[in-house]
């Protein structure tokens, strides 16, 4: 995918919309739906006269569409796999970490309408904005053209990640793996502590630490305590699995 870099604070006018459609081959009938999918709540706080709503309702819809399409695909393509295994595969495909990767593949960050403060966000905070924008894009596409087109786009950009997920075993439960490793090497069961939580109710974020005894092994973030714990456990595995191996 060729790409022309632009400012993160974009007017997202017709030229930008056309550029996105050209680069991704995702073409909308109603361009306002696509424009709204790029509109973060923070942008409206600084631009109260903007003619569209923010993208959170689309994100809510896109989340449901994404889960349905991925579930149906896994169910049909892997008839020999039990429900529990398919559930872990689905979770690996639709979690915030993977959706942020997809957003970067689509270069969504170049088209988002954000407040000046949000444009300075980096790291995991930035990834959550990108992941949410991916869901909003799917929701907007569903409203514009229905489930069949969504299925094609999700298969192209998200379900295509499944071979890598299976090869790298990214679907495995990081908390369980780290607990087994820690108990084997230290005889201690890890525990998790909340370090911080922030954000409004609709967009909560948590930072968790995983400890073995009194030692902090790693930290993680997520939009729920469970997601942050998984992130912390994953980070702990990356840091300590080789040393303990």
Protein backbone atom coordinates (compact mmCIF):
# COMPACT_ATOMS: atom_id res chain seq x y z
CA UNK A 1 0.00 0.00 0.00
CA UNK A 2 1.59 3.24 -1.09
CA UNK A 3 0.90 6.17 1.17
CA UNK A 4 1.24 9.93 1.31
CA UNK A 5 1.97 11.05 4.88
CA UNK A 6 -0.18 13.86 6.24
CA UNK A 7 -0.66 15.66 9.54
CA UNK A 8 -2.45 13.73 12.26
CA UNK A 9 -4.75 16.71 12.69
CA UNK A 10 -6.39 16.51 9.31
CA UNK A 11 -9.40 18.37 8.04
CA UNK A 12 -10.61 15.01 6.76
CA UNK A 13 -12.24 16.80 3.89
CA UNK A 14 -13.24 15.24 0.59
CA UNK A 15 -9.67 14.99 -0.67
CA UNK A 16 -8.62 13.11 2.45
CA UNK A 17 -11.63 10.80 2.18
CA UNK A 18 -10.80 10.04 -1.43
CA UNK A 19 -7.14 9.44 -0.55
CA UNK A 20 -8.12 6.94 2.15
CA UNK A 21 -10.49 5.15 -0.23
CA UNK A 22 -7.83 5.01 -2.92
CA UNK A 23 -5.15 3.68 -0.57
CA UNK A 24 -7.35 1.02 1.05
CA UNK A 25 -9.85 0.22 -1.70
CA UNK A 26 -12.62 0.73 0.87
CA UNK A 27 -15.06 3.01 -0.92
CA UNK A 28 -18.08 4.56 0.81
CA UNK A 29 -21.37 5.64 -0.74
CA UNK A 30 -22.06 8.08 2.11
CA UNK A 31 -18.79 9.91 2.75
CA UNK A 32 -20.13 11.46 5.98
CA UNK A 33 -20.25 8.02 7.57
CA UNK A 34 -16.56 7.54 6.88
CA UNK A 35 -15.79 11.05 8.11
CA UNK A 36 -17.69 10.38 11.34
CA UNK A 37 -15.76 7.14 11.84
CA UNK A 38 -12.59 9.25 11.96
CA UNK A 39 -14.00 11.74 14.49
CA UNK A 40 -12.80 11.31 18.07
CA UNK A 41 -14.83 12.73 20.95
CA UNK A 42 -11.95 15.05 21.90
CA UNK A 43 -12.14 16.82 18.52
CA UNK A 44 -15.72 17.90 19.17
CA UNK A 45 -14.70 19.40 22.52
CA UNK A 46 -12.44 21.80 20.63
CA UNK A 47 -14.75 22.16 17.62
CA UNK A 48 -18.31 22.33 18.98
CA UNK A 49 -19.67 23.58 15.65
CA UNK A 50 -18.52 20.47 13.77
CA UNK A 51 -21.33 19.04 11.63
CA UNK A 52 -21.04 15.38 12.68
CA UNK A 53 -21.10 13.34 15.90
CA UNK A 54 -18.09 11.49 17.33
CA UNK A 55 -17.43 7.88 16.44
CA UNK A 56 -18.30 6.06 19.69
CA UNK A 57 -21.72 4.78 18.59
CA UNK A 58 -20.13 3.48 15.40
CA UNK A 59 -17.43 1.84 17.51
CA UNK A 60 -20.15 0.10 19.54
CA UNK A 61 -21.78 -1.19 16.36
CA UNK A 62 -18.51 -2.15 14.72
CA UNK A 63 -17.47 -4.20 17.74
CA UNK A 64 -20.61 -6.35 17.35
CA UNK A 65 -20.21 -6.69 13.58
CA UNK A 66 -16.56 -7.67 13.94
CA UNK A 67 -17.30 -10.32 16.55
CA UNK A 68 -20.11 -11.81 14.45
CA UNK A 69 -18.03 -12.00 11.27
CA UNK A 70 -15.00 -13.47 13.04
CA UNK A 71 -17.15 -15.98 14.95
CA UNK A 72 -18.96 -17.12 11.81
CA UNK A 73 -15.68 -17.45 9.90
CA UNK A 74 -14.00 -19.53 12.61
CA UNK A 75 -17.09 -21.70 13.05
CA UNK A 76 -17.31 -22.47 9.33
CA UNK A 77 -13.61 -22.77 8.54
CA UNK A 78 -12.61 -24.89 11.54
CA UNK A 79 -15.42 -27.42 12.13
CA UNK A 80 -13.06 -29.75 14.00
CA UNK A 81 -12.16 -27.21 16.71
CA UNK A 82 -14.04 -27.02 20.03
CA UNK A 83 -15.76 -23.85 21.23
CA UNK A 84 -13.11 -23.09 23.84
CA UNK A 85 -10.26 -23.09 21.35
CA UNK A 86 -12.19 -20.97 18.85
CA UNK A 87 -12.94 -18.48 21.63
CA UNK A 88 -9.24 -17.95 22.30
CA UNK A 89 -8.55 -17.50 18.58
CA UNK A 90 -11.35 -14.96 18.30
CA UNK A 91 -10.06 -13.03 21.30
CA UNK A 92 -6.62 -12.81 19.70
CA UNK A 93 -8.15 -11.46 16.47
CA UNK A 94 -10.42 -8.79 17.98
CA UNK A 95 -8.46 -7.49 20.97
CA UNK A 96 -7.22 -3.91 21.15
CA UNK A 97 -3.64 -4.90 20.45
CA UNK A 98 -4.52 -6.56 17.14
CA UNK A 99 -6.97 -3.85 16.09
CA UNK A 100 -4.29 -1.22 16.64
CA UNK A 101 -2.01 -3.17 14.31
CA UNK A 102 -4.79 -3.29 11.72
CA UNK A 103 -5.30 0.48 12.12
CA UNK A 104 -1.63 1.02 11.38
CA UNK A 105 -1.89 -1.22 8.31
CA UNK A 106 -4.73 1.03 7.13
CA UNK A 107 -2.85 4.20 8.16
CA UNK A 108 -5.92 5.34 10.11
CA UNK A 109 -3.83 7.61 12.29
CA UNK A 110 -3.26 9.93 9.36
CA UNK A 111 -6.98 10.59 8.97
CA UNK A 112 -8.29 10.85 12.53
CA UNK A 113 -9.83 14.06 13.82
CA UNK A 114 -8.37 14.54 17.30
CA UNK A 115 -7.89 17.29 19.83
CA UNK A 116 -4.44 18.81 20.03
CA UNK A 117 -3.86 16.96 23.28
CA UNK A 118 -4.82 13.58 21.85
CA UNK A 119 -2.49 14.00 18.87
CA UNK A 120 0.42 14.01 21.32
CA UNK A 121 -0.55 10.65 22.82
CA UNK A 122 1.88 7.83 22.13
CA UNK A 123 2.32 4.20 23.08
CA UNK A 124 -0.64 2.28 24.43
CA UNK A 125 -2.87 5.34 24.79
CA UNK A 126 -2.41 5.99 21.08
CA UNK A 127 -3.04 2.34 20.27
CA UNK A 128 -6.41 2.39 22.05
CA UNK A 129 -7.52 5.35 19.95
CA UNK A 130 -6.46 3.48 16.81
CA UNK A 131 -8.15 0.24 17.88
CA UNK A 132 -11.40 2.07 18.57
CA UNK A 133 -11.17 3.78 15.19
CA UNK A 134 -10.89 0.38 13.50
CA UNK A 135 -14.14 -0.70 15.14
CA UNK A 136 -15.79 2.61 14.19
CA UNK A 137 -14.70 2.12 10.58
CA UNK A 138 -16.33 -1.31 10.53
CA UNK A 139 -19.50 0.12 12.06
CA UNK A 140 -19.60 2.88 9.46
CA UNK A 141 -19.06 0.40 6.64
CA UNK A 142 -21.90 -1.77 7.93
CA UNK A 143 -24.25 1.22 7.92
CA UNK A 144 -23.11 2.17 4.45
CA UNK A 145 -23.10 -1.19 2.67
CA UNK A 146 -24.11 -4.01 5.00
CA UNK A 147 -22.61 -7.21 6.31
CA UNK A 148 -21.35 -8.75 3.06
CA UNK A 149 -18.91 -5.91 2.35
CA UNK A 150 -17.84 -5.83 6.00
CA UNK A 151 -17.04 -9.52 5.75
CA UNK A 152 -14.74 -8.91 2.78
CA UNK A 153 -12.88 -6.08 4.52
CA UNK A 154 -12.58 -7.98 7.81
CA UNK A 155 -11.31 -11.05 6.01
CA UNK A 156 -8.74 -9.00 4.11
CA UNK A 157 -7.37 -6.98 7.00
CA UNK A 158 -8.13 -8.96 10.18
CA UNK A 159 -8.82 -12.63 9.48
CA UNK A 160 -5.67 -12.66 7.36
CA UNK A 161 -3.77 -12.33 10.66
CA UNK A 162 -4.93 -15.76 11.87
CA UNK A 163 -2.03 -17.83 10.42
CA UNK A 164 0.48 -15.60 12.23
CA UNK A 165 -1.54 -15.82 15.46
CA UNK A 166 -1.55 -19.60 15.29
CA UNK A 167 2.13 -19.82 14.33
CA UNK A 168 3.26 -17.53 17.16
CA UNK A 169 0.66 -18.94 19.59
CA UNK A 170 -0.59 -15.42 20.29
CA UNK A 171 -3.94 -16.89 21.30
CA UNK A 172 -2.55 -18.55 24.41
CA UNK A 173 -3.61 -17.13 27.76
CA UNK A 174 -0.62 -15.11 28.98
CA UNK A 175 -1.74 -15.13 32.63
CA UNK A 176 -1.93 -18.92 32.73
CA UNK A 177 1.42 -19.30 30.98
CA UNK A 178 3.16 -16.87 33.33
CA UNK A 179 1.58 -18.45 36.39
CA UNK A 180 2.84 -21.88 35.36
CA UNK A 181 6.31 -20.49 34.69
CA UNK A 182 6.49 -18.53 37.94
CA UNK A 183 5.29 -21.45 40.03
CA UNK A 184 7.75 -23.78 38.33
CA UNK A 185 10.74 -21.44 38.78
CA UNK A 186 9.95 -19.74 42.11
CA UNK A 187 7.18 -21.72 43.76
CA UNK A 188 5.15 -18.50 44.05
CA UNK A 189 1.81 -17.72 42.40
CA UNK A 190 1.83 -14.27 40.73
CA UNK A 191 -0.62 -11.63 41.87
CA UNK A 192 -1.85 -8.44 40.23
CA UNK A 193 -2.25 -4.92 41.58
CA UNK A 194 -3.96 -1.86 40.15
CA UNK A 195 -1.41 0.92 39.71
CA UNK A 196 -3.72 3.49 38.14
CA UNK A 197 -7.06 3.93 36.43
CA UNK A 198 -8.26 6.90 34.45
CA UNK A 199 -10.74 8.10 31.86
CA UNK A 200 -14.53 8.48 31.74
CA UNK A 201 -16.80 5.46 32.27
CA UNK A 202 -17.17 4.82 28.55
CA UNK A 203 -13.39 4.85 28.02
CA UNK A 204 -11.77 3.54 31.22
CA UNK A 205 -8.12 2.53 31.21
CA UNK A 206 -6.20 0.55 33.79
CA UNK A 207 -2.50 0.04 34.53
CA UNK A 208 -1.73 -3.19 36.38
CA UNK A 209 1.45 -4.68 37.82
CA UNK A 210 2.17 -8.38 38.04
CA UNK A 211 4.19 -9.35 41.10
CA UNK A 212 5.95 -12.51 42.18
CA UNK A 213 6.23 -12.15 45.90
CA UNK A 214 7.19 -8.51 46.42
CA UNK A 215 8.98 -8.18 43.08
CA UNK A 216 7.25 -6.29 40.26
CA UNK A 217 7.85 -8.39 37.16
CA UNK A 218 6.15 -6.17 34.59
CA UNK A 219 3.33 -3.69 34.00
CA UNK A 220 0.49 -3.63 31.50
CA UNK A 221 -2.44 -1.49 30.38
CA UNK A 222 -5.93 -2.19 29.10
CA UNK A 223 -9.49 -1.00 28.87
CA UNK A 224 -10.44 -3.48 31.61
CA UNK A 225 -8.55 -4.94 34.56
CA UNK A 226 -8.55 -8.33 32.85
CA UNK A 227 -7.05 -6.90 29.66
CA UNK A 228 -4.41 -5.00 31.65
CA UNK A 229 -3.53 -8.17 33.57
CA UNK A 230 -3.08 -10.07 30.32
CA UNK A 231 -0.89 -7.26 29.00
CA UNK A 232 1.22 -7.32 32.16
CA UNK A 233 1.56 -11.10 32.02
CA UNK A 234 2.56 -10.94 28.35
CA UNK A 235 5.21 -8.33 29.17
CA UNK A 236 6.47 -10.47 32.06
CA UNK A 237 6.81 -13.48 29.76
CA UNK A 238 8.77 -11.43 27.24
CA UNK A 239 11.13 -10.18 29.97
CA UNK A 240 11.62 -13.31 32.03
CA UNK A 241 10.81 -16.43 29.98
CA UNK A 242 14.33 -16.73 28.54
CA UNK A 243 16.03 -15.94 31.87
CA UNK A 244 13.93 -18.58 33.62
CA UNK A 245 14.10 -21.07 30.74
